[in-house]
Amino acid sequence: MTQEKVTITTILNWFKESVENKIPIRPCDWLDGSAKLNILRQDLDEEVAGLKSKIADKQAELIAKDFTVSKAKAIANSGEDYKQYLIKVALLNRIDEHIRIAKKRTELNEF
């Protein structure tokens, strides 16, 4: 029997499906999911740092080719790497908000 690997996506999808299907989420599930997200966030942080570095390198390369700083920045921020960077930063923000909500949810005495 093969178990599915736990990822940020699988955790967030489980919460999303529960919300969409109006399935109550127990406080312990909020806490468990948030703890896992916090641990798995490390990989995402590293991906964001790598993308940001790649974009900065591209910008520096363009500046070295006598592009103005603003033009180099505009070009560097128009590619697929920048799009992926923005998507991953947005995901990090959602994870942070999820963890904040989970903390509040576990403080409530009701199910």
Protein backbone atom coordinates (compact mmCIF):
# COMPACT_ATOMS: atom_id res chain seq x y z
CA MET A 1 0.00 0.00 0.00
CA THR A 2 1.44 3.35 -1.06
CA GLN A 3 0.64 6.42 0.98
CA GLU A 4 0.29 9.77 -0.71
CA LYS A 5 3.11 12.17 0.12
CA VAL A 6 1.99 15.10 2.27
CA THR A 7 2.61 18.41 0.52
CA ILE A 8 1.50 21.99 0.94
CA THR A 9 -0.89 21.48 -1.96
CA THR A 10 -2.49 18.32 -0.52
CA ILE A 11 -3.02 20.00 2.86
CA LEU A 12 -4.52 23.18 1.40
CA ASN A 13 -6.67 21.16 -1.03
CA TRP A 14 -8.06 19.11 1.88
CA PHE A 15 -9.07 22.30 3.70
CA LYS A 16 -10.52 23.79 0.50
CA GLU A 17 -12.60 20.67 -0.20
CA SER A 18 -13.85 20.65 3.39
CA VAL A 19 -14.94 24.28 3.08
CA GLU A 20 -16.54 23.76 -0.33
CA ASN A 21 -18.46 20.71 0.91
CA LYS A 22 -19.42 22.43 4.19
CA ILE A 23 -17.64 19.80 6.26
CA PRO A 24 -16.80 21.11 9.74
CA ILE A 25 -13.08 21.11 10.50
CA ARG A 26 -12.15 20.04 14.02
CA PRO A 27 -9.79 22.31 15.96
CA CYS A 28 -7.22 19.49 16.15
CA ASP A 29 -7.28 19.25 12.32
CA TRP A 30 -6.67 23.01 12.06
CA LEU A 31 -3.72 22.68 14.41
CA ASP A 32 -2.31 19.56 12.74
CA GLY A 33 -2.62 21.05 9.26
CA SER A 34 -0.99 24.30 10.32
CA ALA A 35 1.92 22.51 11.99
CA LYS A 36 2.54 20.53 8.81
CA LEU A 37 2.28 23.65 6.65
CA ASN A 38 4.77 25.42 8.87
CA ILE A 39 7.28 22.58 8.47
CA LEU A 40 6.76 22.21 4.72
CA ARG A 41 7.04 25.98 4.27
CA GLN A 42 10.82 25.66 4.45
CA ASP A 43 11.03 24.18 0.95
CA LEU A 44 8.83 26.93 -0.42
CA ASP A 45 10.97 29.59 1.28
CA GLU A 46 14.03 28.14 -0.47
CA GLU A 47 12.26 28.13 -3.84
CA VAL A 48 11.25 31.78 -3.41
CA ALA A 49 14.81 32.75 -2.46
CA GLY A 50 16.16 30.90 -5.51
CA LEU A 51 13.73 32.61 -7.86
CA LYS A 52 14.43 36.03 -6.37
CA SER A 53 18.16 35.46 -6.79
CA LYS A 54 17.69 34.32 -10.39
CA ILE A 55 15.65 37.46 -11.19
CA ALA A 56 18.26 39.69 -9.52
CA ASP A 57 21.02 37.98 -11.53
CA LYS A 58 19.12 38.60 -14.75
CA GLN A 59 18.64 42.25 -13.80
CA ALA A 60 22.36 42.65 -13.00
CA GLU A 61 23.26 41.01 -16.30
CA LEU A 62 21.07 43.47 -18.20
CA ILE A 63 22.54 46.44 -16.31
CA ALA A 64 26.02 45.18 -17.23
CA LYS A 65 24.88 45.31 -20.88
CA ASP A 66 24.17 49.05 -20.45
CA PHE A 67 20.41 48.81 -19.89
CA THR A 68 19.03 51.40 -17.50
CA VAL A 69 18.11 50.09 -14.07
CA SER A 70 14.41 50.65 -14.65
CA LYS A 71 14.49 48.94 -18.06
CA ALA A 72 16.53 46.04 -16.69
CA LYS A 73 14.07 45.66 -13.82
CA ALA A 74 11.09 45.77 -16.18
CA ILE A 75 12.61 43.08 -18.41
CA ALA A 76 13.70 40.87 -15.50
CA ASN A 77 10.22 41.12 -13.97
CA SER A 78 8.42 40.18 -17.16
CA GLY A 79 9.50 36.56 -17.50
CA GLU A 80 8.23 33.19 -16.31
CA ASP A 81 10.59 33.23 -13.31
CA TYR A 82 8.98 36.39 -11.98
CA LYS A 83 5.50 34.92 -12.52
CA GLN A 84 6.48 31.82 -10.54
CA TYR A 85 8.03 34.04 -7.87
CA LEU A 86 4.75 35.96 -7.45
CA ILE A 87 2.72 32.73 -7.32
CA LYS A 88 4.98 31.27 -4.63
CA VAL A 89 4.99 34.49 -2.58
CA ALA A 90 1.17 34.50 -2.72
CA LEU A 91 1.17 30.87 -1.54
CA LEU A 92 3.47 31.80 1.36
CA ASN A 93 1.06 34.59 2.30
CA ARG A 94 -1.89 32.16 2.23
CA ILE A 95 0.03 29.74 4.45
CA ASP A 96 0.81 32.51 6.94
CA GLU A 97 -2.85 33.55 7.03
CA HIS A 98 -3.96 29.92 7.38
CA ILE A 99 -1.70 29.51 10.40
CA ARG A 100 -3.05 32.71 11.97
CA ILE A 101 -6.64 31.55 11.45
CA ALA A 102 -5.83 28.09 12.82
CA LYS A 103 -4.42 29.62 16.00
CA LYS A 104 -7.63 31.59 16.51
CA ARG A 105 -9.81 28.61 15.62
CA THR A 106 -8.17 26.37 18.20
CA GLU A 107 -8.83 28.99 20.89
CA LEU A 108 -12.59 28.68 20.37
CA ASN A 109 -14.36 26.30 22.72
CA GLU A 110 -16.98 25.26 20.21
CA PHE A 111 -16.62 22.67 17.43
